[in-house]
């Protein structure tokens, strides 16, 4: 499953080509009281990359709110990536 994530300056973000994966993850976060949203990051398109035309798949973005990110940080305050979150 192609996906990626990052933690930067009060933001926790995940990107995937699977909208279902992000929607399921969003349901889990909602059940834990974490506010987040899933949006379309990019539409499917034909791109020229490394000397060839390729079909790029749709990608979706899950963003966790600043307050939600702070709540997650409280679960594990010693994590180096989560230490980037300030409130």
PDB file of N, CA and C in Angstrom:
ATOM      1  N   UNK A   1       0.849  -1.161   0.000  1.00  0.00           N
ATOM      2  CA  UNK A   1       0.000   0.000   0.000  1.00  0.00           C
ATOM      3  C   UNK A   1       0.900   1.231   0.000  1.00  0.00           C
ATOM      4  N   UNK A   2       0.846   2.030  -1.040  1.00  0.00           N
ATOM      5  CA  UNK A   2       1.686   3.217  -1.144  1.00  0.00           C
ATOM      6  C   UNK A   2       1.148   4.312  -0.235  1.00  0.00           C
ATOM      7  N   UNK A   3       1.945   4.695   0.762  1.00  0.00           N
ATOM      8  CA  UNK A   3       1.558   5.772   1.667  1.00  0.00           C
ATOM      9  C   UNK A   3       2.807   6.359   2.309  1.00  0.00           C
ATOM     10  N   UNK A   4       2.640   7.540   2.895  1.00  0.00           N
ATOM     11  CA  UNK A   4       3.750   8.225   3.540  1.00  0.00           C
ATOM     12  C   UNK A   4       3.167   9.132   4.608  1.00  0.00           C
ATOM     13  N   UNK A   5       4.001   9.575   5.527  1.00  0.00           N
ATOM     14  CA  UNK A   5       3.537  10.474   6.570  1.00  0.00           C
ATOM     15  C   UNK A   5       4.656  11.362   7.058  1.00  0.00           C
ATOM     16  N   UNK A   6       4.267  12.430   7.761  1.00  0.00           N
ATOM     17  CA  UNK A   6       5.271  13.330   8.302  1.00  0.00           C
ATOM     18  C   UNK A   6       4.730  14.050   9.532  1.00  0.00           C
ATOM     19  N   UNK A   7       5.668  14.510  10.358  1.00  0.00           N
ATOM     20  CA  UNK A   7       5.355  15.346  11.512  1.00  0.00           C
ATOM     21  C   UNK A   7       6.216  16.590  11.389  1.00  0.00           C
ATOM     22  N   UNK A   8       5.575  17.750  11.238  1.00  0.00           N
ATOM     23  CA  UNK A   8       6.310  19.010  11.126  1.00  0.00           C
ATOM     24  C   UNK A   8       5.534  20.120  11.820  1.00  0.00           C
ATOM     25  N   UNK A   9       6.202  20.890  12.631  1.00  0.00           N
ATOM     26  CA  UNK A   9       5.622  22.104  13.229  1.00  0.00           C
ATOM     27  C   UNK A   9       4.123  22.025  13.509  1.00  0.00           C
ATOM     28  N   UNK A  10       3.747  21.223  14.448  1.00  0.00           N
ATOM     29  CA  UNK A  10       2.349  21.108  14.883  1.00  0.00           C
ATOM     30  C   UNK A  10       1.429  20.400  13.891  1.00  0.00           C
ATOM     31  N   UNK A  11       1.977  19.792  12.851  1.00  0.00           N
ATOM     32  CA  UNK A  11       1.148  19.093  11.873  1.00  0.00           C
ATOM     33  C   UNK A  11       1.532  17.625  11.791  1.00  0.00           C
ATOM     34  N   UNK A  12       0.528  16.778  11.737  1.00  0.00           N
ATOM     35  CA  UNK A  12       0.733  15.361  11.438  1.00  0.00           C
ATOM     36  C   UNK A  12      -0.063  15.098  10.174  1.00  0.00           C
ATOM     37  N   UNK A  13       0.602  14.567   9.146  1.00  0.00           N
ATOM     38  CA  UNK A  13      -0.022  14.370   7.852  1.00  0.00           C
ATOM     39  C   UNK A  13       0.302  12.985   7.299  1.00  0.00           C
ATOM     40  N   UNK A  14      -0.660  12.414   6.600  1.00  0.00           N
ATOM     41  CA  UNK A  14      -0.471  11.146   5.907  1.00  0.00           C
ATOM     42  C   UNK A  14      -0.976  11.308   4.487  1.00  0.00           C
ATOM     43  N   UNK A  15      -0.272  10.693   3.537  1.00  0.00           N
ATOM     44  CA  UNK A  15      -0.659  10.719   2.127  1.00  0.00           C
ATOM     45  C   UNK A  15      -0.719   9.283   1.629  1.00  0.00           C
ATOM     46  N   UNK A  16      -1.750   8.973   0.854  1.00  0.00           N
ATOM     47  CA  UNK A  16      -1.883   7.618   0.307  1.00  0.00           C
ATOM     48  C   UNK A  16      -2.674   7.663  -0.991  1.00  0.00           C
ATOM     49  N   UNK A  17      -2.465   6.666  -1.822  1.00  0.00           N
ATOM     50  CA  UNK A  17      -3.296   6.514  -3.015  1.00  0.00           C
ATOM     51  C   UNK A  17      -4.589   5.775  -2.669  1.00  0.00           C
ATOM     52  N   UNK A  18      -4.671   5.257  -1.442  1.00  0.00           N
ATOM     53  CA  UNK A  18      -5.856   4.537  -1.006  1.00  0.00           C
ATOM     54  C   UNK A  18      -6.729   5.432  -0.129  1.00  0.00           C
ATOM     55  N   UNK A  19      -7.832   5.905  -0.714  1.00  0.00           N
ATOM     56  CA  UNK A  19      -8.771   6.722   0.057  1.00  0.00           C
ATOM     57  C   UNK A  19      -9.396   5.882   1.167  1.00  0.00           C
ATOM     58  N   UNK A  20      -9.642   4.614   0.895  1.00  0.00           N
ATOM     59  CA  UNK A  20     -10.228   3.732   1.904  1.00  0.00           C
ATOM     60  C   UNK A  20      -9.315   3.615   3.125  1.00  0.00           C
ATOM     61  N   UNK A  21      -8.014   3.461   2.903  1.00  0.00           N
ATOM     62  CA  UNK A  21      -7.071   3.371   4.016  1.00  0.00           C
ATOM     63  C   UNK A  21      -7.157   4.619   4.892  1.00  0.00           C
ATOM     64  N   UNK A  22      -7.137   5.802   4.257  1.00  0.00           N
ATOM     65  CA  UNK A  22      -7.183   7.039   5.030  1.00  0.00           C
ATOM     66  C   UNK A  22      -8.534   7.237   5.710  1.00  0.00           C
ATOM     67  N   UNK A  23      -9.631   6.848   5.053  1.00  0.00           N
ATOM     68  CA  UNK A  23     -10.948   6.944   5.688  1.00  0.00           C
ATOM     69  C   UNK A  23     -11.047   6.012   6.895  1.00  0.00           C
ATOM     70  N   UNK A  24     -10.497   4.806   6.770  1.00  0.00           N
ATOM     71  CA  UNK A  24     -10.498   3.872   7.902  1.00  0.00           C
ATOM     72  C   UNK A  24      -9.646   4.416   9.048  1.00  0.00           C
ATOM     73  N   UNK A  25      -8.491   4.992   8.716  1.00  0.00           N
ATOM     74  CA  UNK A  25      -7.621   5.588   9.724  1.00  0.00           C
ATOM     75  C   UNK A  25      -8.331   6.770  10.390  1.00  0.00           C
ATOM     76  N   UNK A  26      -9.042   7.550   9.585  1.00  0.00           N
ATOM     77  CA  UNK A  26      -9.797   8.678  10.118  1.00  0.00           C
ATOM     78  C   UNK A  26     -10.858   8.190  11.116  1.00  0.00           C
ATOM     79  N   UNK A  27     -11.543   7.102  10.799  1.00  0.00           N
ATOM     80  CA  UNK A  27     -12.547   6.541  11.712  1.00  0.00           C
ATOM     81  C   UNK A  27     -11.920   6.159  13.051  1.00  0.00           C
ATOM     82  N   UNK A  28     -10.734   5.552  12.992  1.00  0.00           N
ATOM     83  CA  UNK A  28     -10.032   5.179  14.231  1.00  0.00           C
ATOM     84  C   UNK A  28      -9.689   6.434  15.032  1.00  0.00           C
ATOM     85  N   UNK A  29      -9.149   7.447  14.348  1.00  0.00           N
ATOM     86  CA  UNK A  29      -8.784   8.691  15.042  1.00  0.00           C
ATOM     87  C   UNK A  29     -10.014   9.357  15.651  1.00  0.00           C
ATOM     88  N   UNK A  30     -11.125   9.406  14.916  1.00  0.00           N
ATOM     89  CA  UNK A  30     -12.363   9.976  15.457  1.00  0.00           C
ATOM     90  C   UNK A  30     -12.805   9.228  16.710  1.00  0.00           C
ATOM     91  N   UNK A  31     -12.683   7.890  16.691  1.00  0.00           N
ATOM     92  CA  UNK A  31     -13.103   7.095  17.860  1.00  0.00           C
ATOM     93  C   UNK A  31     -12.240   7.395  19.079  1.00  0.00           C
ATOM     94  N   UNK A  32     -11.021   7.931  18.842  1.00  0.00           N
ATOM     95  CA  UNK A  32     -10.120   8.306  19.934  1.00  0.00           C
ATOM     96  C   UNK A  32     -10.236   9.792  20.283  1.00  0.00           C
ATOM     97  N   UNK A  33     -11.165  10.483  19.610  1.00  0.00           N
ATOM     98  CA  UNK A  33     -11.388  11.895  19.890  1.00  0.00           C
ATOM     99  C   UNK A  33     -10.427  12.832  19.183  1.00  0.00           C
ATOM    100  N   UNK A  34      -9.769  12.343  18.120  1.00  0.00           N
ATOM    101  CA  UNK A  34      -8.801  13.142  17.374  1.00  0.00           C
ATOM    102  C   UNK A  34      -9.481  13.711  16.127  1.00  0.00           C
ATOM    103  N   UNK A  35      -9.437  15.026  15.976  1.00  0.00           N
ATOM    104  CA  UNK A  35     -10.034  15.711  14.831  1.00  0.00           C
ATOM    105  C   UNK A  35      -9.087  15.662  13.636  1.00  0.00           C
ATOM    106  N   UNK A  36      -9.613  15.267  12.479  1.00  0.00           N
ATOM    107  CA  UNK A  36      -8.794  15.180  11.263  1.00  0.00           C
ATOM    108  C   UNK A  36      -9.695  15.209  10.041  1.00  0.00           C
ATOM    109  N   UNK A  37      -9.085  15.346   8.872  1.00  0.00           N
ATOM    110  CA  UNK A  37      -9.858  15.376   7.639  1.00  0.00           C
ATOM    111  C   UNK A  37      -9.102  14.745   6.483  1.00  0.00           C
ATOM    112  N   UNK A  38      -9.852  14.158   5.548  1.00  0.00           N
ATOM    113  CA  UNK A  38      -9.276  13.542   4.341  1.00  0.00           C
ATOM    114  C   UNK A  38      -9.693  14.381   3.145  1.00  0.00           C
ATOM    115  N   UNK A  39      -8.713  14.770   2.316  1.00  0.00           N
ATOM    116  CA  UNK A  39      -8.989  15.545   1.113  1.00  0.00           C
ATOM    117  C   UNK A  39      -8.215  14.966  -0.065  1.00  0.00           C
ATOM    118  N   UNK A  40      -8.657  15.326  -1.274  1.00  0.00           N
ATOM    119  CA  UNK A  40      -7.940  14.937  -2.492  1.00  0.00           C
ATOM    120  C   UNK A  40      -6.692  15.800  -2.610  1.00  0.00           C
ATOM    121  N   UNK A  41      -5.536  15.183  -2.672  1.00  0.00           N
ATOM    122  CA  UNK A  41      -4.278  15.912  -2.820  1.00  0.00           C
ATOM    123  C   UNK A  41      -4.001  16.219  -4.293  1.00  0.00           C
ATOM    124  N   UNK A  42      -4.189  15.213  -5.146  1.00  0.00           N
ATOM    125  CA  UNK A  42      -4.006  15.433  -6.589  1.00  0.00           C
ATOM    126  C   UNK A  42      -4.850  14.433  -7.364  1.00  0.00           C
ATOM    127  N   UNK A  43      -5.305  14.874  -8.529  1.00  0.00           N
ATOM    128  CA  UNK A  43      -6.083  14.023  -9.419  1.00  0.00           C
ATOM    129  C   UNK A  43      -5.138  13.142 -10.227  1.00  0.00           C
ATOM    130  N   UNK A  44      -5.683  12.068 -10.761  1.00  0.00           N
ATOM    131  CA  UNK A  44      -4.929  11.211 -11.658  1.00  0.00           C
ATOM    132  C   UNK A  44      -4.576  12.020 -12.900  1.00  0.00           C
ATOM    133  N   UNK A  45      -3.337  11.895 -13.324  1.00  0.00           N
ATOM    134  CA  UNK A  45      -2.913  12.651 -14.494  1.00  0.00           C
ATOM    135  C   UNK A  45      -1.721  11.987 -15.163  1.00  0.00           C
ATOM    136  N   UNK A  46      -1.529  12.332 -16.404  1.00  0.00           N
ATOM    137  CA  UNK A  46      -0.372  11.845 -17.151  1.00  0.00           C
ATOM    138  C   UNK A  46       0.756  12.848 -16.960  1.00  0.00           C
ATOM    139  N   UNK A  47       1.933  12.356 -16.538  1.00  0.00           N
ATOM    140  CA  UNK A  47       3.074  13.233 -16.277  1.00  0.00           C
ATOM    141  C   UNK A  47       4.298  12.717 -17.024  1.00  0.00           C
ATOM    142  N   UNK A  48       5.196  13.640 -17.332  1.00  0.00           N
ATOM    143  CA  UNK A  48       6.461  13.274 -17.962  1.00  0.00           C
ATOM    144  C   UNK A  48       7.504  13.230 -16.857  1.00  0.00           C
ATOM    145  N   UNK A  49       8.044  12.040 -16.601  1.00  0.00           N
ATOM    146  CA  UNK A  49       8.954  11.850 -15.475  1.00  0.00           C
ATOM    147  C   UNK A  49      10.065  10.897 -15.882  1.00  0.00           C
ATOM    148  N   UNK A  50      11.298  11.309 -15.669  1.00  0.00           N
ATOM    149  CA  UNK A  50      12.465  10.492 -15.996  1.00  0.00           C
ATOM    150  C   UNK A  50      12.459  10.034 -17.451  1.00  0.00           C
ATOM    151  N   UNK A  51      12.103  10.954 -18.340  1.00  0.00           N
ATOM    152  CA  UNK A  51      12.168  10.689 -19.770  1.00  0.00           C
ATOM    153  C   UNK A  51      11.020   9.881 -20.340  1.00  0.00           C
ATOM    154  N   UNK A  52       9.973   9.607 -19.538  1.00  0.00           N
ATOM    155  CA  UNK A  52       8.827   8.833 -20.022  1.00  0.00           C
ATOM    156  C   UNK A  52       7.531   9.454 -19.525  1.00  0.00           C
ATOM    157  N   UNK A  53       6.465   9.237 -20.291  1.00  0.00           N
ATOM    158  CA  UNK A  53       5.135   9.611 -19.816  1.00  0.00           C
ATOM    159  C   UNK A  53       4.620   8.496 -18.916  1.00  0.00           C
ATOM    160  N   UNK A  54       4.084   8.884 -17.790  1.00  0.00           N
ATOM    161  CA  UNK A  54       3.563   7.914 -16.826  1.00  0.00           C
ATOM    162  C   UNK A  54       2.204   8.383 -16.328  1.00  0.00           C
ATOM    163  N   UNK A  55       1.392   7.428 -15.910  1.00  0.00           N
ATOM    164  CA  UNK A  55       0.086   7.761 -15.339  1.00  0.00           C
ATOM    165  C   UNK A  55       0.232   7.851 -13.821  1.00  0.00           C
ATOM    166  N   UNK A  56       0.011   9.034 -13.309  1.00  0.00           N
ATOM    167  CA  UNK A  56       0.096   9.255 -11.869  1.00  0.00           C
ATOM    168  C   UNK A  56      -1.286   9.010 -11.262  1.00  0.00           C
ATOM    169  N   UNK A  57      -1.327   8.245 -10.173  1.00  0.00           N
ATOM    170  CA  UNK A  57      -2.601   7.915  -9.545  1.00  0.00           C
ATOM    171  C   UNK A  57      -3.101   9.062  -8.671  1.00  0.00           C
ATOM    172  N   UNK A  58      -4.407   9.045  -8.404  1.00  0.00           N
ATOM    173  CA  UNK A  58      -4.949   9.992  -7.436  1.00  0.00           C
ATOM    174  C   UNK A  58      -4.277   9.764  -6.090  1.00  0.00           C
ATOM    175  N   UNK A  59      -4.116  10.822  -5.340  1.00  0.00           N
ATOM    176  CA  UNK A  59      -3.541  10.716  -3.999  1.00  0.00           C
ATOM    177  C   UNK A  59      -4.412  11.509  -3.037  1.00  0.00           C
ATOM    178  N   UNK A  60      -4.505  11.010  -1.825  1.00  0.00           N
ATOM    179  CA  UNK A  60      -5.339  11.616  -0.796  1.00  0.00           C
ATOM    180  C   UNK A  60      -4.481  12.004   0.402  1.00  0.00           C
ATOM    181  N   UNK A  61      -4.971  12.981   1.143  1.00  0.00           N
ATOM    182  CA  UNK A  61      -4.212  13.592   2.216  1.00  0.00           C
ATOM    183  C   UNK A  61      -5.055  13.545   3.490  1.00  0.00           C
ATOM    184  N   UNK A  62      -4.518  13.011   4.574  1.00  0.00           N
ATOM    185  CA  UNK A  62      -5.176  13.064   5.874  1.00  0.00           C
ATOM    186  C   UNK A  62      -4.367  14.004   6.756  1.00  0.00           C
ATOM    187  N   UNK A  63      -5.019  15.047   7.242  1.00  0.00           N
ATOM    188  CA  UNK A  63      -4.359  16.009   8.120  1.00  0.00           C
ATOM    189  C   UNK A  63      -5.012  15.945   9.491  1.00  0.00           C
ATOM    190  N   UNK A  64      -4.176  15.880  10.508  1.00  0.00           N
ATOM    191  CA  UNK A  64      -4.665  15.886  11.884  1.00  0.00           C
ATOM    192  C   UNK A  64      -4.570  17.320  12.394  1.00  0.00           C
ATOM    193  N   UNK A  65      -5.642  17.784  13.020  1.00  0.00           N
ATOM    194  CA  UNK A  65      -5.681  19.164  13.501  1.00  0.00           C
ATOM    195  C   UNK A  65      -4.595  19.416  14.543  1.00  0.00           C
ATOM    196  N   UNK A  66      -4.288  20.685  14.753  1.00  0.00           N
ATOM    197  CA  UNK A  66      -3.268  21.061  15.733  1.00  0.00           C
ATOM    198  C   UNK A  66      -3.627  20.536  17.122  1.00  0.00           C
ATOM    199  N   UNK A  67      -4.882  20.676  17.506  1.00  0.00           N
ATOM    200  CA  UNK A  67      -5.314  20.181  18.819  1.00  0.00           C
ATOM    201  C   UNK A  67      -5.224  18.662  18.856  1.00  0.00           C
ATOM    202  N   UNK A  68      -5.581  17.999  17.763  1.00  0.00           N
ATOM    203  CA  UNK A  68      -5.466  16.545  17.700  1.00  0.00           C
ATOM    204  C   UNK A  68      -4.021  16.096  17.778  1.00  0.00           C
ATOM    205  N   UNK A  69      -3.125  16.824  17.106  1.00  0.00           N
ATOM    206  CA  UNK A  69      -1.699  16.486  17.147  1.00  0.00           C
ATOM    207  C   UNK A  69      -1.166  16.633  18.563  1.00  0.00           C
ATOM    208  N   UNK A  70      -1.607  17.668  19.250  1.00  0.00           N
ATOM    209  CA  UNK A  70      -1.177  17.871  20.633  1.00  0.00           C
ATOM    210  C   UNK A  70      -1.667  16.705  21.509  1.00  0.00           C
ATOM    211  N   UNK A  71      -2.894  16.242  21.263  1.00  0.00           N
ATOM    212  CA  UNK A  71      -3.421  15.100  22.017  1.00  0.00           C
ATOM    213  C   UNK A  71      -2.601  13.839  21.783  1.00  0.00           C
ATOM    214  N   UNK A  72      -2.204  13.609  20.554  1.00  0.00           N
ATOM    215  CA  UNK A  72      -1.374  12.438  20.232  1.00  0.00           C
ATOM    216  C   UNK A  72      -0.019  12.561  20.917  1.00  0.00           C
ATOM    217  N   UNK A  73       0.532  13.759  20.947  1.00  0.00           N
ATOM    218  CA  UNK A  73       1.828  13.970  21.591  1.00  0.00           C
ATOM    219  C   UNK A  73       1.760  13.574  23.070  1.00  0.00           C
ATOM    220  N   UNK A  74       0.636  13.808  23.692  1.00  0.00           N
ATOM    221  CA  UNK A  74       0.489  13.482  25.111  1.00  0.00           C
ATOM    222  C   UNK A  74       0.563  11.973  25.366  1.00  0.00           C
ATOM    223  N   UNK A  75       0.247  11.158  24.368  1.00  0.00           N
ATOM    224  CA  UNK A  75       0.327   9.707  24.529  1.00  0.00           C
ATOM    225  C   UNK A  75       1.770   9.246  24.658  1.00  0.00           C
ATOM    226  N   UNK A  76       2.686   9.922  23.944  1.00  0.00           N
ATOM    227  CA  UNK A  76       4.090   9.513  23.942  1.00  0.00           C
ATOM    228  C   UNK A  76       4.958  10.760  23.794  1.00  0.00           C
ATOM    229  N   UNK A  77       5.219  11.425  24.876  1.00  0.00           N
ATOM    230  CA  UNK A  77       5.933  12.697  24.846  1.00  0.00           C
ATOM    231  C   UNK A  77       7.426  12.548  24.564  1.00  0.00           C
ATOM    232  N   UNK A  78       7.954  11.317  24.558  1.00  0.00           N
ATOM    233  CA  UNK A  78       9.389  11.128  24.340  1.00  0.00           C
ATOM    234  C   UNK A  78       9.746  10.834  22.878  1.00  0.00           C
ATOM    235  N   UNK A  79       8.754  10.688  21.998  1.00  0.00           N
ATOM    236  CA  UNK A  79       9.011  10.398  20.591  1.00  0.00           C
ATOM    237  C   UNK A  79       9.668  11.607  19.925  1.00  0.00           C
ATOM    238  N   UNK A  80      10.785  11.387  19.217  1.00  0.00           N
ATOM    239  CA  UNK A  80      11.532  12.493  18.609  1.00  0.00           C
ATOM    240  C   UNK A  80      10.727  13.231  17.548  1.00  0.00           C
ATOM    241  N   UNK A  81       9.983  12.511  16.726  1.00  0.00           N
ATOM    242  CA  UNK A  81       9.172  13.177  15.704  1.00  0.00           C
ATOM    243  C   UNK A  81       8.061  13.991  16.359  1.00  0.00           C
ATOM    244  N   UNK A  82       7.412  13.424  17.352  1.00  0.00           N
ATOM    245  CA  UNK A  82       6.330  14.135  18.005  1.00  0.00           C
ATOM    246  C   UNK A  82       6.825  15.318  18.838  1.00  0.00           C
ATOM    247  N   UNK A  83       8.098  15.325  19.161  1.00  0.00           N
ATOM    248  CA  UNK A  83       8.628  16.446  19.928  1.00  0.00           C
ATOM    249  C   UNK A  83       8.615  17.746  19.128  1.00  0.00           C
ATOM    250  N   UNK A  84       8.394  17.657  17.800  1.00  0.00           N
ATOM    251  CA  UNK A  84       8.298  18.853  16.963  1.00  0.00           C
ATOM    252  C   UNK A  84       6.994  19.603  17.199  1.00  0.00           C
ATOM    253  N   UNK A  85       6.027  18.960  17.842  1.00  0.00           N
ATOM    254  CA  UNK A  85       4.726  19.569  18.071  1.00  0.00           C
ATOM    255  C   UNK A  85       4.813  20.450  19.314  1.00  0.00           C
ATOM    256  N   UNK A  86       4.445  21.704  19.133  1.00  0.00           N
ATOM    257  CA  UNK A  86       4.380  22.637  20.263  1.00  0.00           C
ATOM    258  C   UNK A  86       2.951  23.141  20.373  1.00  0.00           C
ATOM    259  N   UNK A  87       2.610  23.662  21.496  1.00  0.00           N
ATOM    260  CA  UNK A  87       1.240  24.133  21.675  1.00  0.00           C
ATOM    261  C   UNK A  87       1.242  25.499  22.284  1.00  0.00           C
TER     262      UNK A  87
END
